[in-house]
Amino acid sequence: MALQGFNKKDFETFHIDGLDSRMEAIQNRIQPKFQLIGSQLAEALSAKLGNEVFLHIARHARRTVNPPKDTWLAIANNKRGYKKHPHFQLGLFDDHLFVWLAFIYELPNKEKIAQSFINQYEDLKKLPNDYVISLDHTKKESFPISELDIKHLERFRDVKKGEFLIGKHLSSDDERVKNGEKLYEFTITTYEHLIPFYQSALQSY
């Protein structure tokens, strides 16, 4: 089946009131597209990394009242889960699509991974200017890679809830978001630039 991009209706999912109604729309509109593109991304990453990685699609299972403000797929080297592992993401808020290499607060060995990034600070800063950073996966906000400071990595290392996500954003109306093949190429190219940092994180364990 041909890869599908994400359209206006997909992004409008996050304006639907109520947990059950929004989850139904996520499951019907978005998750089938995640399954298709995520399977291909996981296969390509497995080949590039030289070891198998596995697709996970966010289930939002812990939610009982508040509907999710975003949703995503994740790719990690663990078959059972991804939150405690460095992982690649592709997901949507209501106004943009995000492509991340993600290190979230549930990750053990955060201190060692953060220190490895502090040691590679100059390499991180050499990433193309359209890369962005987030310090909290639950929020839309990000800032340009050019504004990355050692203090952000120290916070990731020293604060229990500290997180570090690095990747790219595309506006919901970007043509690459709407075209499945172009989105796949954009995403895998973004991941390729981040693979050295992913591998460095795994070696920090």
N, C-alpha and C. Protein backbone atom coordinates (compact mmCIF):
# COMPACT_ATOMS: atom_id res chain seq x y z
N MET A 1 0.84 -1.19 0.00
CA MET A 1 0.00 0.00 0.00
C MET A 1 0.88 1.25 0.00
N ALA A 2 0.51 2.25 -0.78
CA ALA A 2 1.29 3.47 -0.88
C ALA A 2 1.29 4.23 0.44
N LEU A 3 2.41 4.85 0.74
CA LEU A 3 2.50 5.65 1.95
C LEU A 3 1.59 6.87 1.84
N GLN A 4 0.95 7.20 2.94
CA GLN A 4 0.05 8.35 2.98
C GLN A 4 0.63 9.44 3.87
N GLY A 5 0.50 10.67 3.44
CA GLY A 5 0.87 11.79 4.29
C GLY A 5 -0.28 12.14 5.22
N PHE A 6 -0.13 13.26 5.89
CA PHE A 6 -1.14 13.69 6.87
C PHE A 6 -1.82 14.96 6.36
N ASN A 7 -3.16 14.97 6.46
CA ASN A 7 -3.93 16.06 5.90
C ASN A 7 -4.57 16.91 7.01
N LYS A 8 -5.29 17.92 6.58
CA LYS A 8 -5.90 18.87 7.52
C LYS A 8 -6.78 18.17 8.54
N LYS A 9 -7.54 17.18 8.08
CA LYS A 9 -8.44 16.47 8.99
C LYS A 9 -7.66 15.71 10.07
N ASP A 10 -6.50 15.18 9.71
CA ASP A 10 -5.68 14.48 10.70
C ASP A 10 -5.27 15.43 11.82
N PHE A 11 -4.82 16.64 11.43
CA PHE A 11 -4.38 17.61 12.44
C PHE A 11 -5.57 18.13 13.26
N GLU A 12 -6.74 18.20 12.64
CA GLU A 12 -7.93 18.67 13.36
C GLU A 12 -8.41 17.66 14.40
N THR A 13 -7.87 16.45 14.35
CA THR A 13 -8.19 15.44 15.36
C THR A 13 -8.00 15.99 16.77
N PHE A 14 -6.99 16.86 16.94
CA PHE A 14 -6.66 17.33 18.28
C PHE A 14 -7.55 18.47 18.75
N HIS A 15 -8.56 18.80 17.94
CA HIS A 15 -9.57 19.78 18.35
C HIS A 15 -10.88 19.09 18.74
N ILE A 16 -10.93 17.77 18.65
CA ILE A 16 -12.13 17.02 19.01
C ILE A 16 -12.23 16.95 20.53
N ASP A 17 -13.40 17.29 21.05
CA ASP A 17 -13.60 17.27 22.50
C ASP A 17 -13.81 15.84 23.01
N GLY A 18 -13.33 15.58 24.21
CA GLY A 18 -13.59 14.31 24.87
C GLY A 18 -12.54 13.26 24.56
N LEU A 19 -12.13 12.53 25.59
CA LEU A 19 -11.09 11.51 25.45
C LEU A 19 -11.50 10.42 24.47
N ASP A 20 -12.68 9.86 24.63
CA ASP A 20 -13.09 8.73 23.80
C ASP A 20 -13.21 9.13 22.33
N SER A 21 -13.81 10.28 22.07
CA SER A 21 -14.00 10.73 20.69
C SER A 21 -12.67 11.03 20.02
N ARG A 22 -11.77 11.68 20.75
CA ARG A 22 -10.47 12.00 20.17
C ARG A 22 -9.63 10.74 19.95
N MET A 23 -9.69 9.82 20.90
CA MET A 23 -8.94 8.57 20.74
C MET A 23 -9.46 7.76 19.56
N GLU A 24 -10.77 7.76 19.37
CA GLU A 24 -11.34 7.04 18.22
C GLU A 24 -10.83 7.63 16.91
N ALA A 25 -10.75 8.96 16.85
CA ALA A 25 -10.24 9.61 15.64
C ALA A 25 -8.76 9.32 15.43
N ILE A 26 -7.99 9.32 16.51
CA ILE A 26 -6.56 8.99 16.41
C ILE A 26 -6.39 7.58 15.87
N GLN A 27 -7.18 6.67 16.40
CA GLN A 27 -7.07 5.26 15.98
C GLN A 27 -7.51 5.05 14.54
N ASN A 28 -8.52 5.79 14.10
CA ASN A 28 -9.06 5.59 12.75
C ASN A 28 -8.34 6.40 11.68
N ARG A 29 -7.95 7.61 12.00
CA ARG A 29 -7.35 8.50 11.00
C ARG A 29 -5.83 8.37 10.93
N ILE A 30 -5.20 8.35 12.10
CA ILE A 30 -3.75 8.55 12.17
C ILE A 30 -2.97 7.26 12.31
N GLN A 31 -3.42 6.38 13.20
CA GLN A 31 -2.63 5.18 13.48
C GLN A 31 -2.42 4.27 12.27
N PRO A 32 -3.40 4.11 11.37
CA PRO A 32 -3.11 3.29 10.17
C PRO A 32 -1.97 3.88 9.33
N LYS A 33 -1.88 5.20 9.26
CA LYS A 33 -0.79 5.84 8.54
C LYS A 33 0.54 5.64 9.28
N PHE A 34 0.49 5.73 10.61
CA PHE A 34 1.69 5.44 11.40
C PHE A 34 2.19 4.02 11.14
N GLN A 35 1.26 3.09 11.06
CA GLN A 35 1.64 1.68 10.86
C GLN A 35 2.40 1.51 9.54
N LEU A 36 1.90 2.14 8.49
CA LEU A 36 2.52 2.02 7.17
C LEU A 36 3.90 2.67 7.12
N ILE A 37 3.95 3.95 7.45
CA ILE A 37 5.22 4.65 7.34
C ILE A 37 6.20 4.17 8.41
N GLY A 38 5.69 3.84 9.59
CA GLY A 38 6.55 3.37 10.68
C GLY A 38 7.21 2.05 10.36
N SER A 39 6.49 1.16 9.71
CA SER A 39 7.06 -0.14 9.33
C SER A 39 8.22 0.04 8.38
N GLN A 40 8.05 0.95 7.42
CA GLN A 40 9.13 1.20 6.46
C GLN A 40 10.31 1.90 7.11
N LEU A 41 10.04 2.83 8.01
CA LEU A 41 11.12 3.52 8.72
C LEU A 41 11.89 2.54 9.60
N ALA A 42 11.19 1.64 10.29
CA ALA A 42 11.86 0.67 11.15
C ALA A 42 12.73 -0.27 10.33
N GLU A 43 12.23 -0.68 9.17
CA GLU A 43 13.00 -1.57 8.30
C GLU A 43 14.27 -0.86 7.80
N ALA A 44 14.12 0.39 7.39
CA ALA A 44 15.27 1.15 6.89
C ALA A 44 16.29 1.40 8.00
N LEU A 45 15.80 1.75 9.20
CA LEU A 45 16.71 1.99 10.31
C LEU A 45 17.44 0.72 10.73
N SER A 46 16.73 -0.41 10.72
CA SER A 46 17.37 -1.68 11.05
C SER A 46 18.56 -1.94 10.12
N ALA A 47 18.37 -1.67 8.84
CA ALA A 47 19.45 -1.87 7.86
C ALA A 47 20.60 -0.90 8.10
N LYS A 48 20.28 0.35 8.40
CA LYS A 48 21.33 1.36 8.60
C LYS A 48 22.09 1.14 9.90
N LEU A 49 21.41 0.63 10.92
CA LEU A 49 22.04 0.43 12.23
C LEU A 49 22.76 -0.90 12.34
N GLY A 50 22.35 -1.85 11.50
CA GLY A 50 22.94 -3.18 11.58
C GLY A 50 22.35 -4.05 12.67
N ASN A 51 21.26 -3.59 13.26
CA ASN A 51 20.52 -4.42 14.23
C ASN A 51 19.05 -4.07 14.16
N GLU A 52 18.21 -5.01 14.54
CA GLU A 52 16.77 -4.82 14.39
C GLU A 52 16.23 -3.79 15.38
N VAL A 53 15.39 -2.92 14.88
CA VAL A 53 14.63 -2.00 15.73
C VAL A 53 13.15 -2.23 15.48
N PHE A 54 12.32 -1.80 16.42
CA PHE A 54 10.92 -2.19 16.43
C PHE A 54 10.00 -0.97 16.50
N LEU A 55 8.89 -1.09 15.79
CA LEU A 55 7.89 -0.02 15.74
C LEU A 55 6.94 -0.12 16.92
N HIS A 56 6.69 1.01 17.56
CA HIS A 56 5.68 1.14 18.61
C HIS A 56 4.78 2.31 18.25
N ILE A 57 3.50 2.18 18.47
CA ILE A 57 2.56 3.27 18.22
C ILE A 57 1.92 3.65 19.55
N ALA A 58 2.00 4.93 19.90
CA ALA A 58 1.51 5.41 21.20
C ALA A 58 0.04 5.01 21.38
N ARG A 59 -0.24 4.42 22.54
CA ARG A 59 -1.61 3.98 22.84
C ARG A 59 -2.33 4.92 23.79
N HIS A 60 -1.59 5.78 24.47
CA HIS A 60 -2.18 6.73 25.44
C HIS A 60 -3.02 6.00 26.48
N ALA A 61 -2.54 4.83 26.88
CA ALA A 61 -3.34 3.93 27.73
C ALA A 61 -3.53 4.47 29.14
N ARG A 62 -2.63 5.33 29.61
CA ARG A 62 -2.74 5.82 30.99
C ARG A 62 -3.78 6.92 31.13
N ARG A 63 -4.26 7.42 30.02
CA ARG A 63 -5.19 8.55 30.08
C ARG A 63 -6.60 8.09 30.48
N THR A 64 -7.19 8.83 31.40
CA THR A 64 -8.54 8.50 31.84
C THR A 64 -9.51 9.68 31.66
N VAL A 65 -8.98 10.90 31.54
CA VAL A 65 -9.84 12.08 31.43
C VAL A 65 -9.41 12.97 30.27
N ASN A 66 -8.18 13.47 30.33
CA ASN A 66 -7.71 14.46 29.36
C ASN A 66 -7.32 13.81 28.03
N PRO A 67 -7.91 14.27 26.93
CA PRO A 67 -7.54 13.71 25.62
C PRO A 67 -6.13 14.13 25.24
N PRO A 68 -5.39 13.29 24.52
CA PRO A 68 -4.02 13.63 24.14
C PRO A 68 -3.95 14.85 23.22
N LYS A 69 -2.93 15.68 23.45
CA LYS A 69 -2.70 16.88 22.63
C LYS A 69 -1.84 16.55 21.41
N ASP A 70 -1.22 15.36 21.42
CA ASP A 70 -0.39 14.93 20.32
C ASP A 70 -0.37 13.40 20.29
N THR A 71 0.16 12.85 19.23
CA THR A 71 0.31 11.39 19.15
C THR A 71 1.50 11.09 18.26
N TRP A 72 2.03 9.88 18.37
CA TRP A 72 3.30 9.61 17.70
C TRP A 72 3.52 8.11 17.51
N LEU A 73 4.47 7.81 16.64
CA LEU A 73 5.05 6.48 16.57
C LEU A 73 6.46 6.58 17.12
N ALA A 74 6.97 5.48 17.62
CA ALA A 74 8.34 5.43 18.14
C ALA A 74 9.02 4.17 17.62
N ILE A 75 10.32 4.28 17.42
CA ILE A 75 11.12 3.15 16.94
C ILE A 75 12.30 3.00 17.88
N ALA A 76 12.42 1.81 18.47
CA ALA A 76 13.46 1.55 19.46
C ALA A 76 14.01 0.15 19.28
N ASN A 77 15.14 -0.11 19.93
CA ASN A 77 15.76 -1.43 19.78
C ASN A 77 15.20 -2.47 20.74
N ASN A 78 14.16 -2.10 21.49
CA ASN A 78 13.50 -3.03 22.41
C ASN A 78 12.10 -3.35 21.87
N LYS A 79 11.77 -4.61 21.83
CA LYS A 79 10.49 -5.03 21.25
C LYS A 79 9.32 -4.74 22.18
N ARG A 80 9.57 -4.68 23.47
CA ARG A 80 8.49 -4.56 24.44
C ARG A 80 8.09 -3.11 24.73
N GLY A 81 9.02 -2.18 24.55
CA GLY A 81 8.69 -0.80 24.86
C GLY A 81 9.77 0.14 24.37
N TYR A 82 9.51 1.44 24.52
CA TYR A 82 10.45 2.43 24.00
C TYR A 82 10.78 3.54 24.98
N LYS A 83 9.95 3.78 25.99
CA LYS A 83 10.11 4.96 26.83
C LYS A 83 11.40 4.92 27.66
N LYS A 84 11.87 3.74 27.98
CA LYS A 84 13.09 3.60 28.78
C LYS A 84 14.32 3.43 27.90
N HIS A 85 14.18 3.72 26.61
CA HIS A 85 15.26 3.54 25.66
C HIS A 85 15.38 4.77 24.76
N PRO A 86 16.59 5.08 24.28
CA PRO A 86 16.68 6.07 23.22
C PRO A 86 15.82 5.62 22.05
N HIS A 87 15.06 6.54 21.46
CA HIS A 87 14.16 6.12 20.38
C HIS A 87 13.92 7.26 19.39
N PHE A 88 13.55 6.86 18.19
CA PHE A 88 13.18 7.79 17.13
C PHE A 88 11.66 7.97 17.15
N GLN A 89 11.21 9.18 16.89
CA GLN A 89 9.77 9.47 16.87
C GLN A 89 9.36 10.15 15.58
N LEU A 90 8.10 9.96 15.24
CA LEU A 90 7.41 10.76 14.22
C LEU A 90 6.01 10.98 14.77
N GLY A 91 5.59 12.25 14.86
CA GLY A 91 4.28 12.48 15.46
C GLY A 91 3.68 13.83 15.09
N LEU A 92 2.48 14.06 15.62
CA LEU A 92 1.69 15.24 15.27
C LEU A 92 1.18 15.95 16.51
N PHE A 93 1.31 17.28 16.53
CA PHE A 93 0.47 18.17 17.32
C PHE A 93 -0.59 18.72 16.36
N ASP A 94 -1.40 19.65 16.82
CA ASP A 94 -2.48 20.15 15.94
C ASP A 94 -1.97 21.07 14.84
N ASP A 95 -0.73 21.60 14.99
CA ASP A 95 -0.25 22.58 14.01
C ASP A 95 1.08 22.21 13.36
N HIS A 96 1.69 21.11 13.79
CA HIS A 96 2.95 20.71 13.16
C HIS A 96 3.22 19.22 13.34
N LEU A 97 4.12 18.74 12.51
CA LEU A 97 4.61 17.37 12.60
C LEU A 97 6.02 17.42 13.17
N PHE A 98 6.36 16.46 14.03
CA PHE A 98 7.70 16.43 14.61
C PHE A 98 8.41 15.11 14.30
N VAL A 99 9.71 15.23 14.12
CA VAL A 99 10.59 14.08 13.88
C VAL A 99 11.72 14.20 14.89
N TRP A 100 11.79 13.28 15.83
CA TRP A 100 12.73 13.40 16.94
C TRP A 100 13.63 12.17 17.09
N LEU A 101 14.81 12.42 17.63
CA LEU A 101 15.54 11.42 18.40
C LEU A 101 15.28 11.81 19.85
N ALA A 102 14.67 10.93 20.61
CA ALA A 102 14.11 11.31 21.90
C ALA A 102 14.75 10.55 23.06
N PHE A 103 15.00 11.33 24.12
CA PHE A 103 15.50 10.78 25.38
C PHE A 103 14.61 11.39 26.45
N ILE A 104 13.65 10.61 26.94
CA ILE A 104 12.65 11.16 27.86
C ILE A 104 12.94 10.71 29.29
N TYR A 105 12.17 11.26 30.23
CA TYR A 105 12.54 11.18 31.64
C TYR A 105 12.55 9.75 32.19
N GLU A 106 11.88 8.82 31.55
CA GLU A 106 11.85 7.45 32.05
C GLU A 106 13.12 6.67 31.73
N LEU A 107 14.01 7.29 30.99
CA LEU A 107 15.24 6.65 30.55
C LEU A 107 16.22 6.47 31.71
N PRO A 108 16.67 5.23 31.98
CA PRO A 108 17.76 5.06 32.95
C PRO A 108 19.08 5.50 32.31
N ASN A 109 20.10 5.67 33.11
CA ASN A 109 21.43 6.07 32.61
C ASN A 109 21.41 7.44 31.92
N LYS A 110 20.44 8.26 32.29
CA LYS A 110 20.36 9.59 31.70
C LYS A 110 21.65 10.39 31.91
N GLU A 111 22.23 10.24 33.09
CA GLU A 111 23.43 11.01 33.42
C GLU A 111 24.58 10.69 32.46
N LYS A 112 24.76 9.40 32.19
CA LYS A 112 25.86 8.99 31.30
C LYS A 112 25.60 9.44 29.86
N ILE A 113 24.35 9.32 29.43
CA ILE A 113 24.01 9.75 28.06
C ILE A 113 24.21 11.26 27.93
N ALA A 114 23.72 12.01 28.92
CA ALA A 114 23.87 13.46 28.88
C ALA A 114 25.34 13.86 28.86
N GLN A 115 26.14 13.18 29.65
CA GLN A 115 27.56 13.51 29.68
C GLN A 115 28.21 13.22 28.33
N SER A 116 27.78 12.16 27.68
CA SER A 116 28.34 11.86 26.35
C SER A 116 27.98 12.96 25.36
N PHE A 117 26.79 13.56 25.51
CA PHE A 117 26.39 14.65 24.63
C PHE A 117 27.14 15.95 24.97
N ILE A 118 27.41 16.14 26.26
CA ILE A 118 28.23 17.30 26.64
C ILE A 118 29.61 17.18 25.99
N ASN A 119 30.13 15.96 25.99
CA ASN A 119 31.43 15.73 25.36
C ASN A 119 31.37 15.92 23.84
N GLN A 120 30.18 15.73 23.26
CA GLN A 120 30.00 15.88 21.81
C GLN A 120 29.30 17.18 21.45
N TYR A 121 29.34 18.13 22.35
CA TYR A 121 28.61 19.39 22.16
C TYR A 121 28.93 20.04 20.81
N GLU A 122 30.20 20.09 20.45
CA GLU A 122 30.58 20.74 19.19
C GLU A 122 30.01 19.99 17.99
N ASP A 123 29.92 18.66 18.09
CA ASP A 123 29.34 17.87 17.00
C ASP A 123 27.84 18.13 16.88
N LEU A 124 27.16 18.24 18.01
CA LEU A 124 25.74 18.57 17.99
C LEU A 124 25.51 19.91 17.31
N LYS A 125 26.36 20.87 17.61
CA LYS A 125 26.21 22.23 17.07
C LYS A 125 26.46 22.28 15.56
N LYS A 126 27.09 21.23 15.04
CA LYS A 126 27.37 21.20 13.60
C LYS A 126 26.19 20.67 12.77
N LEU A 127 25.13 20.23 13.44
CA LEU A 127 23.95 19.77 12.70
C LEU A 127 23.37 20.95 11.90
N PRO A 128 22.68 20.65 10.80
CA PRO A 128 22.11 21.73 9.98
C PRO A 128 21.20 22.66 10.80
N ASN A 129 21.09 23.90 10.34
CA ASN A 129 20.39 24.94 11.09
C ASN A 129 18.90 24.70 11.26
N ASP A 130 18.31 23.80 10.46
CA ASP A 130 16.87 23.57 10.61
C ASP A 130 16.55 22.52 11.67
N TYR A 131 17.57 22.01 12.35
CA TYR A 131 17.31 21.11 13.48
C TYR A 131 16.88 21.93 14.69
N VAL A 132 16.02 21.32 15.51
CA VAL A 132 15.50 22.01 16.69
C VAL A 132 15.63 21.09 17.91
N ILE A 133 15.51 21.71 19.08
CA ILE A 133 15.65 21.03 20.36
C ILE A 133 14.39 21.21 21.19
N SER A 134 13.99 20.16 21.90
CA SER A 134 12.93 20.27 22.90
C SER A 134 13.46 19.69 24.21
N LEU A 135 13.05 20.29 25.31
CA LEU A 135 13.44 19.81 26.64
C LEU A 135 12.26 19.21 27.38
N ASP A 136 11.13 19.04 26.68
CA ASP A 136 9.93 18.47 27.30
C ASP A 136 9.03 17.92 26.19
N HIS A 137 8.90 16.60 26.13
CA HIS A 137 8.18 15.99 25.00
C HIS A 137 6.68 16.27 25.04
N THR A 138 6.18 16.77 26.16
CA THR A 138 4.74 17.03 26.27
C THR A 138 4.35 18.42 25.74
N LYS A 139 5.35 19.24 25.41
CA LYS A 139 5.08 20.61 24.99
C LYS A 139 5.44 20.83 23.53
N LYS A 140 4.73 21.75 22.90
CA LYS A 140 4.98 22.08 21.49
C LYS A 140 6.30 22.80 21.28
N GLU A 141 6.71 23.57 22.28
CA GLU A 141 7.81 24.50 22.11
C GLU A 141 9.12 23.79 21.78
N SER A 142 9.89 24.42 20.90
CA SER A 142 11.23 23.98 20.60
C SER A 142 12.08 25.22 20.33
N PHE A 143 13.39 25.02 20.22
CA PHE A 143 14.26 26.15 19.86
C PHE A 143 15.33 25.67 18.90
N PRO A 144 15.91 26.56 18.11
CA PRO A 144 16.87 26.16 17.08
C PRO A 144 18.14 25.56 17.68
N ILE A 145 18.74 24.64 16.94
CA ILE A 145 19.99 24.02 17.37
C ILE A 145 21.05 25.07 17.65
N SER A 146 20.98 26.19 16.94
CA SER A 146 21.97 27.26 17.14
C SER A 146 21.93 27.83 18.55
N GLU A 147 20.78 27.65 19.25
CA GLU A 147 20.64 28.18 20.60
C GLU A 147 20.95 27.14 21.67
N LEU A 148 21.35 25.94 21.25
CA LEU A 148 21.69 24.91 22.23
C LEU A 148 22.89 25.35 23.06
N ASP A 149 22.77 25.21 24.38
CA ASP A 149 23.83 25.60 25.30
C ASP A 149 24.17 24.40 26.19
N ILE A 150 25.37 24.39 26.69
CA ILE A 150 25.78 23.32 27.61
C ILE A 150 24.79 23.20 28.77
N LYS A 151 24.24 24.32 29.22
CA LYS A 151 23.32 24.28 30.37
C LYS A 151 22.09 23.42 30.09
N HIS A 152 21.66 23.34 28.83
CA HIS A 152 20.52 22.49 28.50
C HIS A 152 20.86 21.02 28.69
N LEU A 153 22.07 20.66 28.32
CA LEU A 153 22.52 19.27 28.49
C LEU A 153 22.79 18.96 29.96
N GLU A 154 23.25 19.94 30.69
CA GLU A 154 23.47 19.74 32.13
C GLU A 154 22.14 19.55 32.85
N ARG A 155 21.13 20.29 32.41
CA ARG A 155 19.80 20.10 33.00
C ARG A 155 19.29 18.70 32.71
N PHE A 156 19.45 18.24 31.48
CA PHE A 156 19.07 16.87 31.11
C PHE A 156 19.77 15.87 32.01
N ARG A 157 21.03 16.13 32.32
CA ARG A 157 21.82 15.22 33.16
C ARG A 157 21.38 15.27 34.62
N ASP A 158 21.12 16.47 35.13
CA ASP A 158 21.01 16.66 36.58
C ASP A 158 19.58 16.67 37.12
N VAL A 159 18.60 16.96 36.26
CA VAL A 159 17.21 17.07 36.71
C VAL A 159 16.48 15.76 36.41
N LYS A 160 15.84 15.21 37.43
CA LYS A 160 15.21 13.89 37.27
C LYS A 160 14.22 13.85 36.11
N LYS A 161 13.44 14.92 35.96
CA LYS A 161 12.45 14.97 34.88
C LYS A 161 13.02 15.57 33.59
N GLY A 162 14.31 15.83 33.59
CA GLY A 162 14.93 16.44 32.42
C GLY A 162 14.85 15.54 31.19
N GLU A 163 14.62 16.15 30.04
CA GLU A 163 14.52 15.42 28.78
C GLU A 163 15.35 16.13 27.71
N PHE A 164 15.60 15.40 26.63
CA PHE A 164 16.34 15.98 25.51
C PHE A 164 15.84 15.33 24.23
N LEU A 165 15.29 16.16 23.35
CA LEU A 165 14.81 15.69 22.05
C LEU A 165 15.43 16.57 20.98
N ILE A 166 15.91 15.94 19.92
CA ILE A 166 16.57 16.67 18.85
C ILE A 166 16.05 16.16 17.51
N GLY A 167 15.70 17.09 16.61
CA GLY A 167 15.15 16.66 15.33
C GLY A 167 14.66 17.85 14.53
N LYS A 168 13.51 17.67 13.88
CA LYS A 168 12.96 18.72 13.01
C LYS A 168 11.45 18.81 13.17
N HIS A 169 10.93 19.98 12.85
CA HIS A 169 9.49 20.24 12.79
C HIS A 169 9.11 20.61 11.36
N LEU A 170 7.90 20.24 10.97
CA LEU A 170 7.30 20.71 9.72
C LEU A 170 5.92 21.25 10.04
N SER A 171 5.58 22.38 9.46
CA SER A 171 4.23 22.93 9.62
C SER A 171 3.21 21.97 9.03
N SER A 172 2.01 21.99 9.58
CA SER A 172 0.95 21.07 9.13
C SER A 172 0.60 21.26 7.66
N ASP A 173 0.87 22.45 7.12
CA ASP A 173 0.53 22.69 5.71
C ASP A 173 1.73 22.55 4.77
N ASP A 174 2.84 22.05 5.29
CA ASP A 174 4.02 21.81 4.45
C ASP A 174 3.72 20.69 3.45
N GLU A 175 4.13 20.87 2.21
CA GLU A 175 3.84 19.87 1.18
C GLU A 175 4.45 18.51 1.50
N ARG A 176 5.57 18.50 2.21
CA ARG A 176 6.20 17.23 2.55
C ARG A 176 5.39 16.43 3.57
N VAL A 177 4.59 17.12 4.35
CA VAL A 177 3.72 16.44 5.32
C VAL A 177 2.58 15.73 4.60
N LYS A 178 2.09 16.33 3.54
CA LYS A 178 0.92 15.81 2.85
C LYS A 178 1.23 14.65 1.90
N ASN A 179 2.50 14.53 1.51
CA ASN A 179 2.91 13.52 0.54
C ASN A 179 3.68 12.41 1.27
N GLY A 180 3.14 11.20 1.27
CA GLY A 180 3.72 10.11 2.04
C GLY A 180 5.16 9.79 1.67
N GLU A 181 5.46 9.77 0.38
CA GLU A 181 6.82 9.45 -0.05
C GLU A 181 7.81 10.54 0.34
N LYS A 182 7.41 11.80 0.15
CA LYS A 182 8.28 12.91 0.53
C LYS A 182 8.49 12.95 2.04
N LEU A 183 7.44 12.63 2.79
CA LEU A 183 7.55 12.61 4.25
C LEU A 183 8.51 11.51 4.70
N TYR A 184 8.41 10.36 4.06
CA TYR A 184 9.32 9.26 4.40
C TYR A 184 10.77 9.69 4.15
N GLU A 185 11.04 10.29 3.00
CA GLU A 185 12.41 10.71 2.67
C GLU A 185 12.91 11.77 3.64
N PHE A 186 12.06 12.72 3.97
CA PHE A 186 12.42 13.76 4.93
C PHE A 186 12.76 13.14 6.28
N THR A 187 11.94 12.19 6.72
CA THR A 187 12.12 11.60 8.04
C THR A 187 13.37 10.74 8.11
N ILE A 188 13.58 9.89 7.13
CA ILE A 188 14.74 9.00 7.18
C ILE A 188 16.04 9.80 7.04
N THR A 189 16.01 10.88 6.27
CA THR A 189 17.20 11.74 6.16
C THR A 189 17.49 12.42 7.49
N THR A 190 16.44 12.87 8.16
CA THR A 190 16.61 13.47 9.49
C THR A 190 17.22 12.47 10.45
N TYR A 191 16.69 11.25 10.45
CA TYR A 191 17.22 10.20 11.33
C TYR A 191 18.69 9.91 11.03
N GLU A 192 19.05 9.90 9.75
CA GLU A 192 20.43 9.56 9.37
C GLU A 192 21.43 10.51 10.02
N HIS A 193 21.10 11.80 10.08
CA HIS A 193 21.98 12.77 10.73
C HIS A 193 22.10 12.50 12.23
N LEU A 194 21.09 11.86 12.80
CA LEU A 194 21.03 11.66 14.25
C LEU A 194 21.56 10.30 14.70
N ILE A 195 21.75 9.39 13.77
CA ILE A 195 22.21 8.04 14.12
C ILE A 195 23.50 8.05 14.95
N PRO A 196 24.51 8.88 14.63
CA PRO A 196 25.72 8.86 15.46
C PRO A 196 25.44 9.17 16.93
N PHE A 197 24.48 10.06 17.20
CA PHE A 197 24.15 10.41 18.58
C PHE A 197 23.33 9.31 19.24
N TYR A 198 22.49 8.67 18.47
CA TYR A 198 21.75 7.50 18.96
C TYR A 198 22.72 6.40 19.37
N GLN A 199 23.68 6.11 18.51
CA GLN A 199 24.64 5.04 18.80
C GLN A 199 25.53 5.41 19.98
N SER A 200 25.89 6.68 20.08
CA SER A 200 26.68 7.14 21.22
C SER A 200 25.91 6.94 22.52
N ALA A 201 24.61 7.22 22.49
CA ALA A 201 23.78 7.05 23.69
C ALA A 201 23.74 5.58 24.10
N LEU A 202 23.60 4.69 23.14
CA LEU A 202 23.56 3.27 23.47
C LEU A 202 24.87 2.80 24.07
N GLN A 203 25.98 3.35 23.60
CA GLN A 203 27.30 2.98 24.10
C GLN A 203 27.57 3.54 25.49
N SER A 204 26.73 4.48 25.92
CA SER A 204 26.93 5.11 27.23
C SER A 204 26.38 4.26 28.37
N TYR A 205 25.65 3.21 28.04
CA TYR A 205 25.04 2.40 29.09
C TYR A 205 26.10 1.69 29.90
